[in-house]
ModelCIF file with pLDDT and N, C-alpha, C, O atoms, coordinates in Angstrom:
data_MODEL
#
_entry.id   MODEL 
#
_entity.id                         1 
_entity.type                       polymer 
_entity.pdbx_number_of_molecules   1 
#
_entity_poly.entity_id                      1 
_entity_poly.type                           'polypeptide(L)' 
_entity_poly.nstd_linkage                   no 
_entity_poly.nstd_monomer                   no 
_entity_poly.pdbx_seq_one_letter_code       KSEFVSTVTHELKTPLSLMRLVADTLVTGRYKNAEKIPE 
_entity_poly.pdbx_seq_one_letter_code_can   KSEFVSTVTHELKTPLSLMRLVADTLVTGRYKNAEKIPE 
_entity_poly.pdbx_strand_id                 A 
#
loop_
_entity_poly_seq.entity_id 
_entity_poly_seq.num 
_entity_poly_seq.mon_id 
_entity_poly_seq.hetero 
1 1  LYS n 
1 2  SER n 
1 3  GLU n 
1 4  PHE n 
1 5  VAL n 
1 6  SER n 
1 7  THR n 
1 8  VAL n 
1 9  THR n 
1 10 HIS n 
1 11 GLU n 
1 12 LEU n 
1 13 LYS n 
1 14 THR n 
1 15 PRO n 
1 16 LEU n 
1 17 SER n 
1 18 LEU n 
1 19 MET n 
1 20 ARG n 
1 21 LEU n 
1 22 VAL n 
1 23 ALA n 
1 24 ASP n 
1 25 THR n 
1 26 LEU n 
1 27 VAL n 
1 28 THR n 
1 29 GLY n 
1 30 ARG n 
1 31 TYR n 
1 32 LYS n 
1 33 ASN n 
1 34 ALA n 
1 35 GLU n 
1 36 LYS n 
1 37 ILE n 
1 38 PRO n 
1 39 GLU n 
#
_struct_asym.id          A 
_struct_asym.entity_id   1 
#
loop_
_ma_qa_metric.id 
_ma_qa_metric.mode 
_ma_qa_metric.name 
_ma_qa_metric.software_group_id 
_ma_qa_metric.type 
1 global pLDDT . pLDDT 
2 local  pLDDT . pLDDT 
#
_ma_qa_metric_global.metric_id      1 
_ma_qa_metric_global.metric_value   76.08 
_ma_qa_metric_global.model_id       1 
_ma_qa_metric_global.ordinal_id     1 
#
loop_
_ma_qa_metric_local.label_asym_id 
_ma_qa_metric_local.label_comp_id 
_ma_qa_metric_local.label_seq_id 
_ma_qa_metric_local.metric_id 
_ma_qa_metric_local.metric_value 
_ma_qa_metric_local.model_id 
_ma_qa_metric_local.ordinal_id 
A LYS 1  2 61.00 1 1  
A SER 2  2 63.00 1 2  
A GLU 3  2 59.00 1 3  
A PHE 4  2 58.00 1 4  
A VAL 5  2 62.00 1 5  
A SER 6  2 61.00 1 6  
A THR 7  2 60.00 1 7  
A VAL 8  2 64.00 1 8  
A THR 9  2 67.00 1 9  
A HIS 10 2 61.00 1 10 
A GLU 11 2 66.00 1 11 
A LEU 12 2 71.00 1 12 
A LYS 13 2 72.00 1 13 
A THR 14 2 70.00 1 14 
A PRO 15 2 75.00 1 15 
A LEU 16 2 80.00 1 16 
A SER 17 2 80.00 1 17 
A LEU 18 2 80.00 1 18 
A MET 19 2 82.00 1 19 
A ARG 20 2 85.00 1 20 
A LEU 21 2 84.00 1 21 
A VAL 22 2 84.00 1 22 
A ALA 23 2 86.00 1 23 
A ASP 24 2 85.00 1 24 
A THR 25 2 85.00 1 25 
A LEU 26 2 86.00 1 26 
A VAL 27 2 86.00 1 27 
A THR 28 2 86.00 1 28 
A GLY 29 2 85.00 1 29 
A ARG 30 2 81.00 1 30 
A TYR 31 2 80.00 1 31 
A LYS 32 2 78.00 1 32 
A ASN 33 2 82.00 1 33 
A ALA 34 2 85.00 1 34 
A GLU 35 2 82.00 1 35 
A LYS 36 2 82.00 1 36 
A ILE 37 2 86.00 1 37 
A PRO 38 2 85.00 1 38 
A GLU 39 2 82.00 1 39 
#
loop_
_atom_site.group_PDB 
_atom_site.id 
_atom_site.type_symbol 
_atom_site.label_atom_id 
_atom_site.label_alt_id 
_atom_site.label_comp_id 
_atom_site.label_asym_id 
_atom_site.label_entity_id 
_atom_site.label_seq_id 
_atom_site.pdbx_PDB_ins_code 
_atom_site.Cartn_x 
_atom_site.Cartn_y 
_atom_site.Cartn_z 
_atom_site.occupancy 
_atom_site.B_iso_or_equiv 
_atom_site.pdbx_formal_charge 
_atom_site.auth_seq_id 
_atom_site.auth_comp_id 
_atom_site.auth_asym_id 
_atom_site.auth_atom_id 
_atom_site.pdbx_PDB_model_num 
ATOM 1   N N  . LYS A 1 1  ? -19.808 -21.436 21.961 1.00 61.00 ? 1  LYS A N  1 
ATOM 2   C CA . LYS A 1 1  ? -19.547 -20.390 20.964 1.00 61.00 ? 1  LYS A CA 1 
ATOM 3   C C  . LYS A 1 1  ? -19.711 -19.002 21.578 1.00 61.00 ? 1  LYS A C  1 
ATOM 4   O O  . LYS A 1 1  ? -18.950 -18.083 21.274 1.00 61.00 ? 1  LYS A O  1 
ATOM 5   N N  . SER A 1 2  ? -20.716 -18.862 22.445 1.00 63.00 ? 2  SER A N  1 
ATOM 6   C CA . SER A 1 2  ? -20.937 -17.584 23.104 1.00 63.00 ? 2  SER A CA 1 
ATOM 7   C C  . SER A 1 2  ? -19.745 -17.227 23.986 1.00 63.00 ? 2  SER A C  1 
ATOM 8   O O  . SER A 1 2  ? -19.286 -16.085 23.998 1.00 63.00 ? 2  SER A O  1 
ATOM 9   N N  . GLU A 1 3  ? -19.246 -18.230 24.729 1.00 59.00 ? 3  GLU A N  1 
ATOM 10  C CA . GLU A 1 3  ? -18.084 -18.007 25.588 1.00 59.00 ? 3  GLU A CA 1 
ATOM 11  C C  . GLU A 1 3  ? -16.853 -17.706 24.738 1.00 59.00 ? 3  GLU A C  1 
ATOM 12  O O  . GLU A 1 3  ? -16.007 -16.899 25.123 1.00 59.00 ? 3  GLU A O  1 
ATOM 13  N N  . PHE A 1 4  ? -16.756 -18.360 23.577 1.00 58.00 ? 4  PHE A N  1 
ATOM 14  C CA . PHE A 1 4  ? -15.646 -18.133 22.657 1.00 58.00 ? 4  PHE A CA 1 
ATOM 15  C C  . PHE A 1 4  ? -15.617 -16.677 22.183 1.00 58.00 ? 4  PHE A C  1 
ATOM 16  O O  . PHE A 1 4  ? -14.570 -16.031 22.212 1.00 58.00 ? 4  PHE A O  1 
ATOM 17  N N  . VAL A 1 5  ? -16.771 -16.166 21.748 1.00 62.00 ? 5  VAL A N  1 
ATOM 18  C CA . VAL A 1 5  ? -16.856 -14.775 21.280 1.00 62.00 ? 5  VAL A CA 1 
ATOM 19  C C  . VAL A 1 5  ? -16.476 -13.816 22.399 1.00 62.00 ? 5  VAL A C  1 
ATOM 20  O O  . VAL A 1 5  ? -15.741 -12.854 22.177 1.00 62.00 ? 5  VAL A O  1 
ATOM 21  N N  . SER A 1 6  ? -16.980 -14.081 23.606 1.00 61.00 ? 6  SER A N  1 
ATOM 22  C CA . SER A 1 6  ? -16.671 -13.247 24.762 1.00 61.00 ? 6  SER A CA 1 
ATOM 23  C C  . SER A 1 6  ? -15.179 -13.272 25.076 1.00 61.00 ? 6  SER A C  1 
ATOM 24  O O  . SER A 1 6  ? -14.573 -12.236 25.351 1.00 61.00 ? 6  SER A O  1 
ATOM 25  N N  . THR A 1 7  ? -14.597 -14.470 25.032 1.00 60.00 ? 7  THR A N  1 
ATOM 26  C CA . THR A 1 7  ? -13.173 -14.628 25.342 1.00 60.00 ? 7  THR A CA 1 
ATOM 27  C C  . THR A 1 7  ? -12.308 -13.917 24.315 1.00 60.00 ? 7  THR A C  1 
ATOM 28  O O  . THR A 1 7  ? -11.363 -13.215 24.676 1.00 60.00 ? 7  THR A O  1 
ATOM 29  N N  . VAL A 1 8  ? -12.629 -14.095 23.016 1.00 64.00 ? 8  VAL A N  1 
ATOM 30  C CA . VAL A 1 8  ? -11.845 -13.470 21.958 1.00 64.00 ? 8  VAL A CA 1 
ATOM 31  C C  . VAL A 1 8  ? -11.915 -11.946 22.056 1.00 64.00 ? 8  VAL A C  1 
ATOM 32  O O  . VAL A 1 8  ? -10.913 -11.256 21.866 1.00 64.00 ? 8  VAL A O  1 
ATOM 33  N N  . THR A 1 9  ? -13.098 -11.433 22.352 1.00 67.00 ? 9  THR A N  1 
ATOM 34  C CA . THR A 1 9  ? -13.252 -9.984  22.514 1.00 67.00 ? 9  THR A CA 1 
ATOM 35  C C  . THR A 1 9  ? -12.352 -9.483  23.636 1.00 67.00 ? 9  THR A C  1 
ATOM 36  O O  . THR A 1 9  ? -11.676 -8.464  23.496 1.00 67.00 ? 9  THR A O  1 
ATOM 37  N N  . HIS A 1 10 ? -12.353 -10.209 24.750 1.00 61.00 ? 10 HIS A N  1 
ATOM 38  C CA . HIS A 1 10 ? -11.504 -9.838  25.890 1.00 61.00 ? 10 HIS A CA 1 
ATOM 39  C C  . HIS A 1 10 ? -10.028 -9.954  25.514 1.00 61.00 ? 10 HIS A C  1 
ATOM 40  O O  . HIS A 1 10 ? -9.221  -9.091  25.859 1.00 61.00 ? 10 HIS A O  1 
ATOM 41  N N  . GLU A 1 11 ? -9.687  -11.026 24.806 1.00 66.00 ? 11 GLU A N  1 
ATOM 42  C CA . GLU A 1 11 ? -8.293  -11.249 24.425 1.00 66.00 ? 11 GLU A CA 1 
ATOM 43  C C  . GLU A 1 11 ? -7.771  -10.145 23.506 1.00 66.00 ? 11 GLU A C  1 
ATOM 44  O O  . GLU A 1 11 ? -6.592  -9.797  23.568 1.00 66.00 ? 11 GLU A O  1 
ATOM 45  N N  . LEU A 1 12 ? -8.636  -9.594  22.656 1.00 71.00 ? 12 LEU A N  1 
ATOM 46  C CA . LEU A 1 12 ? -8.236  -8.504  21.767 1.00 71.00 ? 12 LEU A CA 1 
ATOM 47  C C  . LEU A 1 12 ? -8.159  -7.176  22.514 1.00 71.00 ? 12 LEU A C  1 
ATOM 48  O O  . LEU A 1 12 ? -7.256  -6.375  22.271 1.00 71.00 ? 12 LEU A O  1 
ATOM 49  N N  . LYS A 1 13 ? -9.104  -6.943  23.421 1.00 72.00 ? 13 LYS A N  1 
ATOM 50  C CA . LYS A 1 13 ? -9.153  -5.665  24.128 1.00 72.00 ? 13 LYS A CA 1 
ATOM 51  C C  . LYS A 1 13 ? -7.993  -5.499  25.101 1.00 72.00 ? 13 LYS A C  1 
ATOM 52  O O  . LYS A 1 13 ? -7.494  -4.388  25.280 1.00 72.00 ? 13 LYS A O  1 
ATOM 53  N N  . THR A 1 14 ? -7.555  -6.592  25.733 1.00 70.00 ? 14 THR A N  1 
ATOM 54  C CA . THR A 1 14 ? -6.495  -6.498  26.732 1.00 70.00 ? 14 THR A CA 1 
ATOM 55  C C  . THR A 1 14 ? -5.176  -5.985  26.147 1.00 70.00 ? 14 THR A C  1 
ATOM 56  O O  . THR A 1 14 ? -4.630  -5.015  26.672 1.00 70.00 ? 14 THR A O  1 
ATOM 57  N N  . PRO A 1 15 ? -4.635  -6.602  25.071 1.00 75.00 ? 15 PRO A N  1 
ATOM 58  C CA . PRO A 1 15 ? -3.393  -6.054  24.508 1.00 75.00 ? 15 PRO A CA 1 
ATOM 59  C C  . PRO A 1 15 ? -3.583  -4.669  23.899 1.00 75.00 ? 15 PRO A C  1 
ATOM 60  O O  . PRO A 1 15 ? -2.674  -3.840  23.953 1.00 75.00 ? 15 PRO A O  1 
ATOM 61  N N  . LEU A 1 16 ? -4.756  -4.408  23.320 1.00 80.00 ? 16 LEU A N  1 
ATOM 62  C CA . LEU A 1 16 ? -5.009  -3.088  22.743 1.00 80.00 ? 16 LEU A CA 1 
ATOM 63  C C  . LEU A 1 16 ? -4.953  -1.998  23.810 1.00 80.00 ? 16 LEU A C  1 
ATOM 64  O O  . LEU A 1 16 ? -4.380  -0.931  23.590 1.00 80.00 ? 16 LEU A O  1 
ATOM 65  N N  . SER A 1 17 ? -5.553  -2.274  24.969 1.00 80.00 ? 17 SER A N  1 
ATOM 66  C CA . SER A 1 17 ? -5.548  -1.296  26.069 1.00 80.00 ? 17 SER A CA 1 
ATOM 67  C C  . SER A 1 17 ? -4.129  -1.031  26.544 1.00 80.00 ? 17 SER A C  1 
ATOM 68  O O  . SER A 1 17 ? -3.754  0.115   26.794 1.00 80.00 ? 17 SER A O  1 
ATOM 69  N N  . LEU A 1 18 ? -3.335  -2.102  26.668 1.00 80.00 ? 18 LEU A N  1 
ATOM 70  C CA . LEU A 1 18 ? -1.963  -1.951  27.129 1.00 80.00 ? 18 LEU A CA 1 
ATOM 71  C C  . LEU A 1 18 ? -1.113  -1.205  26.104 1.00 80.00 ? 18 LEU A C  1 
ATOM 72  O O  . LEU A 1 18 ? -0.289  -0.363  26.462 1.00 80.00 ? 18 LEU A O  1 
ATOM 73  N N  . MET A 1 19 ? -1.323  -1.524  24.819 1.00 82.00 ? 19 MET A N  1 
ATOM 74  C CA . MET A 1 19 ? -0.588  -0.846  23.752 1.00 82.00 ? 19 MET A CA 1 
ATOM 75  C C  . MET A 1 19 ? -0.929  0.641   23.716 1.00 82.00 ? 19 MET A C  1 
ATOM 76  O O  . MET A 1 19 ? -0.054  1.479   23.498 1.00 82.00 ? 19 MET A O  1 
ATOM 77  N N  . ARG A 1 20 ? -2.197  0.963   23.927 1.00 85.00 ? 20 ARG A N  1 
ATOM 78  C CA . ARG A 1 20 ? -2.617  2.369   23.956 1.00 85.00 ? 20 ARG A CA 1 
ATOM 79  C C  . ARG A 1 20 ? -1.951  3.105   25.117 1.00 85.00 ? 20 ARG A C  1 
ATOM 80  O O  . ARG A 1 20 ? -1.500  4.241   24.967 1.00 85.00 ? 20 ARG A O  1 
ATOM 81  N N  . LEU A 1 21 ? -1.895  2.442   26.283 1.00 84.00 ? 21 LEU A N  1 
ATOM 82  C CA . LEU A 1 21 ? -1.281  3.048   27.465 1.00 84.00 ? 21 LEU A CA 1 
ATOM 83  C C  . LEU A 1 21 ? 0.206   3.310   27.235 1.00 84.00 ? 21 LEU A C  1 
ATOM 84  O O  . LEU A 1 21 ? 0.705   4.393   27.542 1.00 84.00 ? 21 LEU A O  1 
ATOM 85  N N  . VAL A 1 22 ? 0.912   2.315   26.696 1.00 84.00 ? 22 VAL A N  1 
ATOM 86  C CA . VAL A 1 22 ? 2.344   2.461   26.439 1.00 84.00 ? 22 VAL A CA 1 
ATOM 87  C C  . VAL A 1 22 ? 2.597   3.542   25.395 1.00 84.00 ? 22 VAL A C  1 
ATOM 88  O O  . VAL A 1 22 ? 3.493   4.372   25.552 1.00 84.00 ? 22 VAL A O  1 
ATOM 89  N N  . ALA A 1 23 ? 1.798   3.524   24.322 1.00 86.00 ? 23 ALA A N  1 
ATOM 90  C CA . ALA A 1 23 ? 1.959   4.527   23.265 1.00 86.00 ? 23 ALA A CA 1 
ATOM 91  C C  . ALA A 1 23 ? 1.729   5.935   23.799 1.00 86.00 ? 23 ALA A C  1 
ATOM 92  O O  . ALA A 1 23 ? 2.488   6.851   23.484 1.00 86.00 ? 23 ALA A O  1 
ATOM 93  N N  . ASP A 1 24 ? 0.690   6.110   24.603 1.00 85.00 ? 24 ASP A N  1 
ATOM 94  C CA . ASP A 1 24 ? 0.407   7.431   25.188 1.00 85.00 ? 24 ASP A CA 1 
ATOM 95  C C  . ASP A 1 24 ? 1.548   7.876   26.096 1.00 85.00 ? 24 ASP A C  1 
ATOM 96  O O  . ASP A 1 24 ? 1.911   9.052   26.111 1.00 85.00 ? 24 ASP A O  1 
ATOM 97  N N  . THR A 1 25 ? 2.116   6.934   26.855 1.00 85.00 ? 25 THR A N  1 
ATOM 98  C CA . THR A 1 25 ? 3.234   7.256   27.752 1.00 85.00 ? 25 THR A CA 1 
ATOM 99  C C  . THR A 1 25 ? 4.440   7.746   26.960 1.00 85.00 ? 25 THR A C  1 
ATOM 100 O O  . THR A 1 25 ? 5.102   8.708   27.349 1.00 85.00 ? 25 THR A O  1 
ATOM 101 N N  . LEU A 1 26 ? 4.723   7.068   25.833 1.00 86.00 ? 26 LEU A N  1 
ATOM 102 C CA . LEU A 1 26 ? 5.860   7.458   25.004 1.00 86.00 ? 26 LEU A CA 1 
ATOM 103 C C  . LEU A 1 26 ? 5.621   8.794   24.306 1.00 86.00 ? 26 LEU A C  1 
ATOM 104 O O  . LEU A 1 26 ? 6.516   9.637   24.243 1.00 86.00 ? 26 LEU A O  1 
ATOM 105 N N  . VAL A 1 27 ? 4.405   8.983   23.781 1.00 86.00 ? 27 VAL A N  1 
ATOM 106 C CA . VAL A 1 27 ? 4.091   10.213  23.045 1.00 86.00 ? 27 VAL A CA 1 
ATOM 107 C C  . VAL A 1 27 ? 4.148   11.438  23.953 1.00 86.00 ? 27 VAL A C  1 
ATOM 108 O O  . VAL A 1 27 ? 4.653   12.488  23.554 1.00 86.00 ? 27 VAL A O  1 
ATOM 109 N N  . THR A 1 28 ? 3.632   11.306  25.167 1.00 86.00 ? 28 THR A N  1 
ATOM 110 C CA . THR A 1 28 ? 3.576   12.454  26.085 1.00 86.00 ? 28 THR A CA 1 
ATOM 111 C C  . THR A 1 28 ? 4.839   12.611  26.922 1.00 86.00 ? 28 THR A C  1 
ATOM 112 O O  . THR A 1 28 ? 4.979   13.583  27.665 1.00 86.00 ? 28 THR A O  1 
ATOM 113 N N  . GLY A 1 29 ? 5.775   11.638  26.802 1.00 85.00 ? 29 GLY A N  1 
ATOM 114 C CA . GLY A 1 29 ? 7.024   11.729  27.555 1.00 85.00 ? 29 GLY A CA 1 
ATOM 115 C C  . GLY A 1 29 ? 6.871   11.457  29.036 1.00 85.00 ? 29 GLY A C  1 
ATOM 116 O O  . GLY A 1 29 ? 7.677   11.925  29.840 1.00 85.00 ? 29 GLY A O  1 
ATOM 117 N N  . ARG A 1 30 ? 5.839   10.702  29.408 1.00 81.00 ? 30 ARG A N  1 
ATOM 118 C CA . ARG A 1 30 ? 5.594   10.432  30.827 1.00 81.00 ? 30 ARG A CA 1 
ATOM 119 C C  . ARG A 1 30 ? 6.400   9.214   31.303 1.00 81.00 ? 30 ARG A C  1 
ATOM 120 O O  . ARG A 1 30 ? 5.833   8.266   31.846 1.00 81.00 ? 30 ARG A O  1 
ATOM 121 N N  . TYR A 1 31 ? 7.694   9.244   31.101 1.00 80.00 ? 31 TYR A N  1 
ATOM 122 C CA . TYR A 1 31 ? 8.551   8.182   31.616 1.00 80.00 ? 31 TYR A CA 1 
ATOM 123 C C  . TYR A 1 31 ? 9.747   8.832   32.304 1.00 80.00 ? 31 TYR A C  1 
ATOM 124 O O  . TYR A 1 31 ? 10.138  9.946   31.956 1.00 80.00 ? 31 TYR A O  1 
ATOM 125 N N  . LYS A 1 32 ? 10.326  8.137   33.276 1.00 78.00 ? 32 LYS A N  1 
ATOM 126 C CA . LYS A 1 32 ? 11.341  8.731   34.145 1.00 78.00 ? 32 LYS A CA 1 
ATOM 127 C C  . LYS A 1 32 ? 12.660  8.988   33.436 1.00 78.00 ? 32 LYS A C  1 
ATOM 128 O O  . LYS A 1 32 ? 13.292  10.020  33.662 1.00 78.00 ? 32 LYS A O  1 
ATOM 129 N N  . ASN A 1 33 ? 13.089  8.058   32.577 1.00 82.00 ? 33 ASN A N  1 
ATOM 130 C CA . ASN A 1 33 ? 14.349  8.268   31.863 1.00 82.00 ? 33 ASN A CA 1 
ATOM 131 C C  . ASN A 1 33 ? 14.336  7.503   30.545 1.00 82.00 ? 33 ASN A C  1 
ATOM 132 O O  . ASN A 1 33 ? 13.488  6.641   30.316 1.00 82.00 ? 33 ASN A O  1 
ATOM 133 N N  . ALA A 1 34 ? 15.294  7.835   29.685 1.00 85.00 ? 34 ALA A N  1 
ATOM 134 C CA . ALA A 1 34 ? 15.348  7.255   28.338 1.00 85.00 ? 34 ALA A CA 1 
ATOM 135 C C  . ALA A 1 34 ? 15.609  5.757   28.361 1.00 85.00 ? 34 ALA A C  1 
ATOM 136 O O  . ALA A 1 34 ? 15.310  5.062   27.390 1.00 85.00 ? 34 ALA A O  1 
ATOM 137 N N  . GLU A 1 35 ? 16.166  5.248   29.466 1.00 82.00 ? 35 GLU A N  1 
ATOM 138 C CA . GLU A 1 35 ? 16.451  3.815   29.557 1.00 82.00 ? 35 GLU A CA 1 
ATOM 139 C C  . GLU A 1 35 ? 15.172  2.985   29.583 1.00 82.00 ? 35 GLU A C  1 
ATOM 140 O O  . GLU A 1 35 ? 15.199  1.785   29.309 1.00 82.00 ? 35 GLU A O  1 
ATOM 141 N N  . LYS A 1 36 ? 14.059  3.625   29.912 1.00 82.00 ? 36 LYS A N  1 
ATOM 142 C CA . LYS A 1 36 ? 12.767  2.925   29.957 1.00 82.00 ? 36 LYS A CA 1 
ATOM 143 C C  . LYS A 1 36 ? 12.211  2.661   28.556 1.00 82.00 ? 36 LYS A C  1 
ATOM 144 O O  . LYS A 1 36 ? 11.386  1.767   28.368 1.00 82.00 ? 36 LYS A O  1 
ATOM 145 N N  . ILE A 1 37 ? 12.666  3.442   27.579 1.00 86.00 ? 37 ILE A N  1 
ATOM 146 C CA . ILE A 1 37 ? 12.098  3.325   26.226 1.00 86.00 ? 37 ILE A CA 1 
ATOM 147 C C  . ILE A 1 37 ? 12.249  1.918   25.641 1.00 86.00 ? 37 ILE A C  1 
ATOM 148 O O  . ILE A 1 37 ? 11.273  1.400   25.098 1.00 86.00 ? 37 ILE A O  1 
ATOM 149 N N  . PRO A 1 38 ? 13.430  1.264   25.723 1.00 85.00 ? 38 PRO A N  1 
ATOM 150 C CA . PRO A 1 38 ? 13.524  -0.117  25.213 1.00 85.00 ? 38 PRO A CA 1 
ATOM 151 C C  . PRO A 1 38 ? 12.570  -1.075  25.917 1.00 85.00 ? 38 PRO A C  1 
ATOM 152 O O  . PRO A 1 38 ? 12.051  -2.002  25.295 1.00 85.00 ? 38 PRO A O  1 
ATOM 153 N N  . GLU A 1 39 ? 12.333  -0.857  27.226 1.00 82.00 ? 39 GLU A N  1 
ATOM 154 C CA . GLU A 1 39 ? 11.390  -1.709  27.956 1.00 82.00 ? 39 GLU A CA 1 
ATOM 155 C C  . GLU A 1 39 ? 9.983   -1.567  27.396 1.00 82.00 ? 39 GLU A C  1 
ATOM 156 O O  . GLU A 1 39 ? 9.055   -2.211  27.886 1.00 82.00 ? 39 GLU A O  1 
#
């Protein structure tokens, strides 16, 4: 159960961190061209 809680916490934090990074990149316009937006 302890490992389960640790794993779930990690599993939630990983996509959240990536989503935050992508969102910040889009909001600040830190991408090379508009073709990257669909990616």
